[in-house]
């Protein structure tokens, strides 16, 4: 298979309400889309580093890397200036060929994932099979969807948070993730667990704590949480291993796992029991599958996480989750819950509480007029 052309977009999606985490506050989501073309096939892909615009007025094309070392602008520039021109017209017999072509370039996993997903999407389109079948090698016909948890960012008050959770619970949701940070943690968790004692709760620290906070972790260890996600900074696998030994609650790593070697190191150190796998963060679907397989081999669990992407990226997350063997709900969000506008139709939704439906690209219409309205930059590579 050869990729003949890429239409690459840096877009800025307005949010319904600000998304607040330990990293800061975001009113929009900057993301990168690519429409890829091959013989008898075309497909849309997305890679979303979840960066924040520096200044919509003075620096409209510049966004700040918050979640990782990449921003949407850096991913966009790397794709149009470096990675895209290299892979255009190359014979790509499998997805592994793309990392080998880009191996001389260090880091920039989100940008590389944007390119790598093109192979998967175009190959699935050419073969006329669902992406989940291409990933797993199996025809997953009996599965109608994947289980997800609702995520709640930091709000202006606990009352607002409780109201949002109450609405989710009224729809049948039983599994949630709470974003926490210093000053928005113990008291918030107590209020939520008191109000909703039957909820399955994950707390996501986004690396905002240290081992000096061991007493805090010991306190929340008594709250019967599903897991504590990324409690310590990204590079701190050794201290994650120390913390894990002190807690009954499983530790889940997110930002710490960028490469397959990071997962191997975490497993060796016993830094966690669960890994949150995000396609962009780990450099693409091939690496995501390798990390999943490592977890399976070594008795760890894993789940698929999202980056508040549009329906394009969310569909990829759902397909990857469908191909995985895991017991925990996935951290995949519904665009309609966060975005003021949607790029795809019909809207992705849960056909029953907490179970999101599959949507092949052939079943989704991408609204290119809406994309044009929110485009910061566009470049065609051929």
Protein backbone atom coordinates (compact mmCIF):
# COMPACT_ATOMS: atom_id res chain seq x y z
CA UNK A 1 0.00 0.00 0.00
CA UNK A 2 1.17 3.52 -0.82
CA UNK A 3 -0.12 6.74 0.69
CA UNK A 4 -0.56 9.12 -2.26
CA UNK A 5 -1.62 12.33 -0.51
CA UNK A 6 -2.22 13.87 2.89
CA UNK A 7 -4.41 16.90 3.66
CA UNK A 8 -3.20 17.98 7.11
CA UNK A 9 -5.11 20.33 9.43
CA UNK A 10 -4.27 22.03 12.73
CA UNK A 11 -7.71 22.63 14.24
CA UNK A 12 -9.04 24.28 17.40
CA UNK A 13 -12.26 22.83 18.87
CA UNK A 14 -14.23 25.02 21.32
CA UNK A 15 -15.30 23.31 24.53
CA UNK A 16 -18.71 23.54 26.18
CA UNK A 17 -17.05 24.40 29.49
CA UNK A 18 -13.40 24.78 30.56
CA UNK A 19 -11.50 21.53 31.12
CA UNK A 20 -9.53 21.88 34.36
CA UNK A 21 -6.85 19.47 35.54
CA UNK A 22 -3.58 19.61 37.49
CA UNK A 23 -2.01 20.97 34.28
CA UNK A 24 -4.21 24.04 34.00
CA UNK A 25 -7.39 25.21 32.28
CA UNK A 26 -8.34 24.72 28.63
CA UNK A 27 -11.22 26.40 26.80
CA UNK A 28 -10.43 24.71 23.50
CA UNK A 29 -8.78 21.53 22.28
CA UNK A 30 -6.05 21.90 19.65
CA UNK A 31 -5.74 18.80 17.49
CA UNK A 32 -4.30 17.61 14.18
CA UNK A 33 -6.35 15.91 11.47
CA UNK A 34 -5.18 14.26 8.28
CA UNK A 35 -7.22 13.09 5.33
CA UNK A 36 -5.16 10.33 3.76
CA UNK A 37 -5.49 9.00 0.21
CA UNK A 38 -4.37 5.67 -1.27
CA UNK A 39 -5.44 3.65 -4.28
CA UNK A 40 -9.17 2.98 -3.96
CA UNK A 41 -9.31 4.33 -0.41
CA UNK A 42 -9.37 7.48 1.66
CA UNK A 43 -9.64 7.95 5.41
CA UNK A 44 -9.49 10.53 8.19
CA UNK A 45 -7.18 10.24 11.20
CA UNK A 46 -6.55 12.40 14.26
CA UNK A 47 -3.72 12.93 16.73
CA UNK A 48 -4.44 15.17 19.70
CA UNK A 49 -1.64 16.23 22.11
CA UNK A 50 -4.23 18.21 24.13
CA UNK A 51 -2.37 21.51 24.01
CA UNK A 52 -3.55 24.98 24.90
CA UNK A 53 -3.48 28.10 22.64
CA UNK A 54 -0.97 30.63 23.90
CA UNK A 55 -2.94 33.63 22.66
CA UNK A 56 -5.74 33.44 20.09
CA UNK A 57 -5.08 37.09 19.23
CA UNK A 58 -1.29 37.63 19.25
CA UNK A 59 -0.19 34.04 18.53
CA UNK A 60 -3.12 32.27 16.83
CA UNK A 61 -0.99 29.38 15.53
CA UNK A 62 0.97 28.77 18.74
CA UNK A 63 -0.20 26.36 21.41
CA UNK A 64 1.47 25.26 24.63
CA UNK A 65 2.43 21.65 25.39
CA UNK A 66 0.73 20.69 28.65
CA UNK A 67 0.05 16.95 28.69
CA UNK A 68 3.29 15.97 26.93
CA UNK A 69 6.34 17.57 25.29
CA UNK A 70 4.32 18.02 22.09
CA UNK A 71 1.73 20.55 21.03
CA UNK A 72 -0.69 20.40 18.13
CA UNK A 73 1.44 22.96 16.30
CA UNK A 74 4.62 20.92 16.74
CA UNK A 75 2.85 17.74 15.62
CA UNK A 76 1.42 19.57 12.61
CA UNK A 77 4.83 21.00 11.62
CA UNK A 78 6.58 17.65 12.00
CA UNK A 79 3.96 15.92 9.86
CA UNK A 80 3.98 18.47 7.03
CA UNK A 81 7.73 19.25 7.05
CA UNK A 82 9.32 15.89 7.95
CA UNK A 83 7.22 12.77 8.32
CA UNK A 84 4.61 13.27 5.60
CA UNK A 85 7.09 13.88 2.74
CA UNK A 86 9.05 10.78 3.78
CA UNK A 87 6.15 8.33 3.68
CA UNK A 88 4.32 9.69 0.61
CA UNK A 89 4.73 7.18 -2.22
CA UNK A 90 6.63 4.64 -0.09
CA UNK A 91 5.66 0.98 -0.30
CA UNK A 92 4.15 0.26 3.12
CA UNK A 93 3.71 -3.49 3.38
CA UNK A 94 2.72 -3.23 7.05
CA UNK A 95 2.32 -0.67 9.81
CA UNK A 96 5.77 -1.45 11.21
CA UNK A 97 7.32 0.03 8.07
CA UNK A 98 6.35 3.55 9.17
CA UNK A 99 8.23 3.59 12.51
CA UNK A 100 11.27 2.19 10.71
CA UNK A 101 11.14 5.04 8.17
CA UNK A 102 10.86 7.63 10.96
CA UNK A 103 13.25 5.97 13.41
CA UNK A 104 16.03 8.54 12.93
CA UNK A 105 13.77 11.25 14.38
CA UNK A 106 13.65 11.31 18.17
CA UNK A 107 10.46 11.57 20.22
CA UNK A 108 7.38 13.33 18.83
CA UNK A 109 5.13 10.31 19.32
CA UNK A 110 1.88 12.17 18.66
CA UNK A 111 3.12 13.34 15.27
CA UNK A 112 4.34 9.85 14.39
CA UNK A 113 1.03 8.36 15.53
CA UNK A 114 -0.79 10.66 13.11
CA UNK A 115 1.18 9.16 10.24
CA UNK A 116 1.03 5.57 11.49
CA UNK A 117 -2.75 5.60 11.89
CA UNK A 118 -3.06 6.43 8.19
CA UNK A 119 -1.78 2.97 7.28
CA UNK A 120 -4.31 1.29 9.56
CA UNK A 121 -7.26 3.37 8.39
CA UNK A 122 -6.45 3.09 4.69
CA UNK A 123 -5.72 -0.64 4.89
CA UNK A 124 -9.02 -1.28 6.70
CA UNK A 125 -10.81 0.78 4.03
CA UNK A 126 -9.11 -1.08 1.19
CA UNK A 127 -9.95 -4.47 2.70
CA UNK A 128 -13.46 -3.31 3.62
CA UNK A 129 -13.15 -4.59 7.20
CA UNK A 130 -13.57 -2.85 10.57
CA UNK A 131 -10.39 -1.41 12.06
CA UNK A 132 -10.87 -3.55 15.19
CA UNK A 133 -10.73 -6.68 13.02
CA UNK A 134 -7.52 -5.51 11.34
CA UNK A 135 -5.95 -4.82 14.75
CA UNK A 136 -6.99 -8.06 16.45
CA UNK A 137 -7.05 -10.40 13.50
CA UNK A 138 -10.52 -11.49 14.55
CA UNK A 139 -14.00 -10.61 13.35
CA UNK A 140 -15.49 -9.13 16.53
CA UNK A 141 -19.14 -9.41 15.54
CA UNK A 142 -20.66 -10.39 18.87
CA UNK A 143 -19.40 -7.30 20.65
CA UNK A 144 -21.65 -4.27 20.18
CA UNK A 145 -19.53 -1.75 22.02
CA UNK A 146 -16.96 -1.10 24.73
CA UNK A 147 -17.38 -0.04 28.34
CA UNK A 148 -16.29 3.50 29.19
CA UNK A 149 -16.16 5.67 32.30
CA UNK A 150 -17.34 9.26 32.54
CA UNK A 151 -14.56 11.76 33.30
CA UNK A 152 -15.00 14.88 35.42
CA UNK A 153 -12.51 17.72 35.49
CA UNK A 154 -11.96 20.17 38.31
CA UNK A 155 -14.95 22.49 38.74
CA UNK A 156 -15.50 25.85 40.42
CA UNK A 157 -17.27 24.21 43.36
CA UNK A 158 -18.03 20.79 44.78
CA UNK A 159 -21.75 21.47 44.30
CA UNK A 160 -21.22 21.88 40.55
CA UNK A 161 -19.25 18.64 40.44
CA UNK A 162 -21.91 16.74 42.39
CA UNK A 163 -24.60 18.05 40.05
CA UNK A 164 -22.65 16.84 37.00
CA UNK A 165 -22.03 13.43 38.53
CA UNK A 166 -25.67 13.22 39.58
CA UNK A 167 -26.76 13.79 35.99
CA UNK A 168 -24.43 11.03 34.78
CA UNK A 169 -25.70 8.64 37.45
CA UNK A 170 -29.29 9.41 36.44
CA UNK A 171 -28.47 8.08 32.96
CA UNK A 172 -27.17 4.83 34.42
CA UNK A 173 -23.43 5.57 34.60
CA UNK A 174 -21.71 3.52 37.32
CA UNK A 175 -18.02 4.18 36.60
CA UNK A 176 -16.33 7.60 36.79
CA UNK A 177 -12.92 9.27 36.80
CA UNK A 178 -12.22 12.35 38.92
CA UNK A 179 -9.40 14.74 38.11
CA UNK A 180 -7.70 15.85 41.32
CA UNK A 181 -4.87 18.13 42.40
CA UNK A 182 -3.54 19.55 45.65
CA UNK A 183 -6.37 21.53 47.23
CA UNK A 184 -8.99 19.62 45.24
CA UNK A 185 -8.65 16.07 46.48
CA UNK A 186 -9.52 14.60 49.90
CA UNK A 187 -12.55 16.78 50.66
CA UNK A 188 -13.85 16.41 47.12
CA UNK A 189 -13.47 12.65 47.17
CA UNK A 190 -15.28 12.40 50.51
CA UNK A 191 -18.21 14.46 49.22
CA UNK A 192 -18.47 12.32 46.08
CA UNK A 193 -18.23 8.98 47.88
CA UNK A 194 -20.76 10.10 50.50
CA UNK A 195 -23.20 11.23 47.82
CA UNK A 196 -22.67 8.25 45.51
CA UNK A 197 -21.51 5.29 47.63
CA UNK A 198 -22.07 2.71 44.88
CA UNK A 199 -20.01 4.39 42.16
CA UNK A 200 -16.78 2.88 40.88
CA UNK A 201 -14.30 5.76 41.13
CA UNK A 202 -10.86 6.35 39.65
CA UNK A 203 -8.84 9.40 40.64
CA UNK A 204 -6.42 10.89 38.11
CA UNK A 205 -3.58 12.91 39.63
CA UNK A 206 -1.87 13.83 36.31
CA UNK A 207 1.50 13.51 38.03
CA UNK A 208 0.77 16.32 40.48
CA UNK A 209 1.97 14.66 43.69
CA UNK A 210 5.18 13.24 45.18
CA UNK A 211 6.19 10.63 47.75
CA UNK A 212 5.98 13.44 50.30
CA UNK A 213 2.21 13.03 49.89
CA UNK A 214 2.25 9.42 51.09
CA UNK A 215 -0.06 10.25 54.01
CA UNK A 216 -2.62 11.61 51.52
CA UNK A 217 -2.43 8.46 49.40
CA UNK A 218 -2.82 6.33 52.53
CA UNK A 219 -6.03 8.26 53.35
CA UNK A 220 -7.62 7.79 49.95
CA UNK A 221 -6.46 4.17 49.92
CA UNK A 222 -9.36 3.50 52.29
CA UNK A 223 -11.96 4.81 49.81
CA UNK A 224 -12.31 1.57 47.79
CA UNK A 225 -11.16 3.26 44.58
CA UNK A 226 -10.86 1.38 41.30
CA UNK A 227 -7.38 2.82 40.77
CA UNK A 228 -5.13 5.83 41.31
CA UNK A 229 -3.91 7.09 37.95
CA UNK A 230 -0.49 8.74 37.43
CA UNK A 231 0.02 9.81 41.06
CA UNK A 232 3.64 10.93 40.60
CA UNK A 233 5.57 12.76 37.83
CA UNK A 234 6.08 11.12 34.46
CA UNK A 235 9.71 10.04 34.79
CA UNK A 236 9.41 8.75 38.37
CA UNK A 237 9.00 5.00 37.82
CA UNK A 238 11.16 4.13 40.83
CA UNK A 239 9.01 6.10 43.27
CA UNK A 240 5.85 4.74 41.66
CA UNK A 241 7.17 1.28 42.56
CA UNK A 242 7.68 2.42 46.17
CA UNK A 243 4.20 3.94 46.32
CA UNK A 244 2.57 0.88 44.82
CA UNK A 245 3.96 -1.30 47.65
CA UNK A 246 2.37 1.03 50.21
CA UNK A 247 -1.14 0.90 48.77
CA UNK A 248 -3.95 -1.61 48.35
CA UNK A 249 -5.50 0.46 45.55
CA UNK A 250 -4.04 -0.40 42.11
CA UNK A 251 -1.72 2.17 40.55
CA UNK A 252 -2.31 3.01 36.89
CA UNK A 253 0.36 4.69 34.78
CA UNK A 254 -0.51 7.06 31.94
CA UNK A 255 2.02 9.80 31.14
CA UNK A 256 4.92 7.60 32.29
CA UNK A 257 4.44 5.12 29.44
CA UNK A 258 5.58 6.77 26.20
CA UNK A 259 7.56 3.92 24.65
CA UNK A 260 7.32 0.13 24.75
CA UNK A 261 10.59 0.22 26.73
CA UNK A 262 8.86 2.36 29.39
CA UNK A 263 6.24 -0.37 29.83
CA UNK A 264 8.98 -3.00 30.09
CA UNK A 265 10.79 -0.91 32.71
CA UNK A 266 7.59 -0.31 34.71
CA UNK A 267 6.85 -4.04 34.68
CA UNK A 268 10.39 -4.88 35.83
CA UNK A 269 10.21 -2.36 38.67
CA UNK A 270 6.62 -3.31 39.55
CA UNK A 271 5.64 0.36 39.27
CA UNK A 272 1.97 -0.30 38.52
CA UNK A 273 -0.76 -2.88 38.04
CA UNK A 274 -2.51 -1.09 35.14
CA UNK A 275 -1.40 0.92 32.09
CA UNK A 276 -3.56 3.52 30.36
CA UNK A 277 -2.67 3.25 26.67
CA UNK A 278 -3.24 6.28 24.43
CA UNK A 279 -2.62 5.90 20.72
CA UNK A 280 -0.96 9.29 20.28
CA UNK A 281 1.17 9.17 23.40
CA UNK A 282 2.76 5.82 22.50
CA UNK A 283 3.36 6.61 18.84
CA UNK A 284 0.58 4.69 17.14
CA UNK A 285 -1.56 1.58 17.09
CA UNK A 286 1.34 -0.86 16.55
CA UNK A 287 3.06 0.29 19.74
CA UNK A 288 -0.26 0.31 21.60
CA UNK A 289 -0.79 -3.35 20.70
CA UNK A 290 2.75 -4.25 21.81
CA UNK A 291 2.18 -2.61 25.20
CA UNK A 292 -1.17 -4.41 25.55
CA UNK A 293 0.52 -7.73 24.78
CA UNK A 294 3.27 -7.01 27.32
CA UNK A 295 0.62 -6.36 29.95
CA UNK A 296 -1.16 -9.60 29.11
CA UNK A 297 2.05 -11.59 29.26
CA UNK A 298 3.05 -10.14 32.64
CA UNK A 299 -0.28 -10.17 34.44
CA UNK A 300 -1.04 -6.43 34.21
CA UNK A 301 -4.28 -4.95 33.03
CA UNK A 302 -4.62 -2.07 30.62
CA UNK A 303 -7.23 0.27 29.23
CA UNK A 304 -7.52 2.68 26.31
CA UNK A 305 -7.53 6.36 27.15
CA UNK A 306 -8.65 9.38 25.15
CA UNK A 307 -7.51 12.99 24.74
CA UNK A 308 -10.92 14.70 24.38
CA UNK A 309 -10.60 14.19 20.63
CA UNK A 310 -13.23 14.74 17.98
CA UNK A 311 -15.33 11.86 16.72
CA UNK A 312 -12.54 10.97 14.30
CA UNK A 313 -9.99 10.18 16.99
CA UNK A 314 -12.61 8.77 19.37
CA UNK A 315 -13.64 6.19 16.77
CA UNK A 316 -10.03 4.95 16.64
CA UNK A 317 -9.96 4.66 20.44
CA UNK A 318 -13.16 2.61 20.43
CA UNK A 319 -11.84 0.25 17.75
CA UNK A 320 -8.57 -0.27 19.64
CA UNK A 321 -10.46 -0.88 22.89
CA UNK A 322 -12.63 -3.47 21.14
CA UNK A 323 -9.51 -5.41 20.17
CA UNK A 324 -8.10 -5.43 23.73
CA UNK A 325 -8.63 -7.93 26.52
CA UNK A 326 -9.18 -6.04 29.77
CA UNK A 327 -11.50 -5.86 32.76
CA UNK A 328 -11.61 -2.12 33.49
CA UNK A 329 -13.75 0.50 31.77
CA UNK A 330 -11.87 2.52 29.17
CA UNK A 331 -11.11 6.23 29.51
CA UNK A 332 -12.81 7.22 26.26
CA UNK A 333 -14.91 10.38 26.14
CA UNK A 334 -17.93 11.24 24.00
CA UNK A 335 -17.28 14.40 21.93
CA UNK A 336 -20.85 15.61 22.47
CA UNK A 337 -20.20 15.82 26.22
CA UNK A 338 -17.28 18.24 25.79
CA UNK A 339 -17.27 19.91 22.35
CA UNK A 340 -19.51 22.77 21.23
CA UNK A 341 -19.39 21.42 17.67
CA UNK A 342 -19.01 17.93 16.28
CA UNK A 343 -16.97 17.00 13.23
CA UNK A 344 -18.70 13.69 12.55
CA UNK A 345 -22.22 12.40 12.18
CA UNK A 346 -24.06 10.55 13.49
CA UNK A 347 -22.88 11.51 16.95
CA UNK A 348 -21.03 8.82 18.89
CA UNK A 349 -23.21 7.71 21.78
CA UNK A 350 -23.82 5.03 24.37
CA UNK A 351 -26.52 2.57 23.33
CA UNK A 352 -26.84 1.61 27.01
CA UNK A 353 -25.30 3.22 30.11
CA UNK A 354 -21.52 3.25 29.88
CA UNK A 355 -21.35 1.18 26.68
CA UNK A 356 -20.25 3.13 23.62
CA UNK A 357 -21.17 1.83 20.19
CA UNK A 358 -18.76 0.91 17.39
CA UNK A 359 -18.63 3.20 14.40
CA UNK A 360 -16.64 2.27 11.31
CA UNK A 361 -15.39 5.20 9.23
CA UNK A 362 -17.66 4.05 6.42
CA UNK A 363 -20.60 4.67 8.79
CA UNK A 364 -19.48 8.17 9.76
CA UNK A 365 -19.76 11.36 7.73
CA UNK A 366 -16.99 13.92 8.32
CA UNK A 367 -18.21 17.51 8.02
CA UNK A 368 -15.42 19.23 6.10
CA UNK A 369 -17.20 22.60 6.26
CA UNK A 370 -17.08 22.51 10.06
CA UNK A 371 -13.41 21.50 9.91
CA UNK A 372 -12.71 24.45 7.64
CA UNK A 373 -14.35 26.82 10.14
CA UNK A 374 -12.06 25.71 13.00
CA UNK A 375 -8.84 25.28 11.00
CA UNK A 376 -5.79 27.19 12.22
CA UNK A 377 -3.48 25.92 9.45
CA UNK A 378 -3.75 23.51 6.50
CA UNK A 379 -1.16 21.90 4.21
CA UNK A 380 -1.46 19.38 1.37
CA UNK A 381 1.38 16.86 0.90
CA UNK A 382 1.61 14.81 -2.29
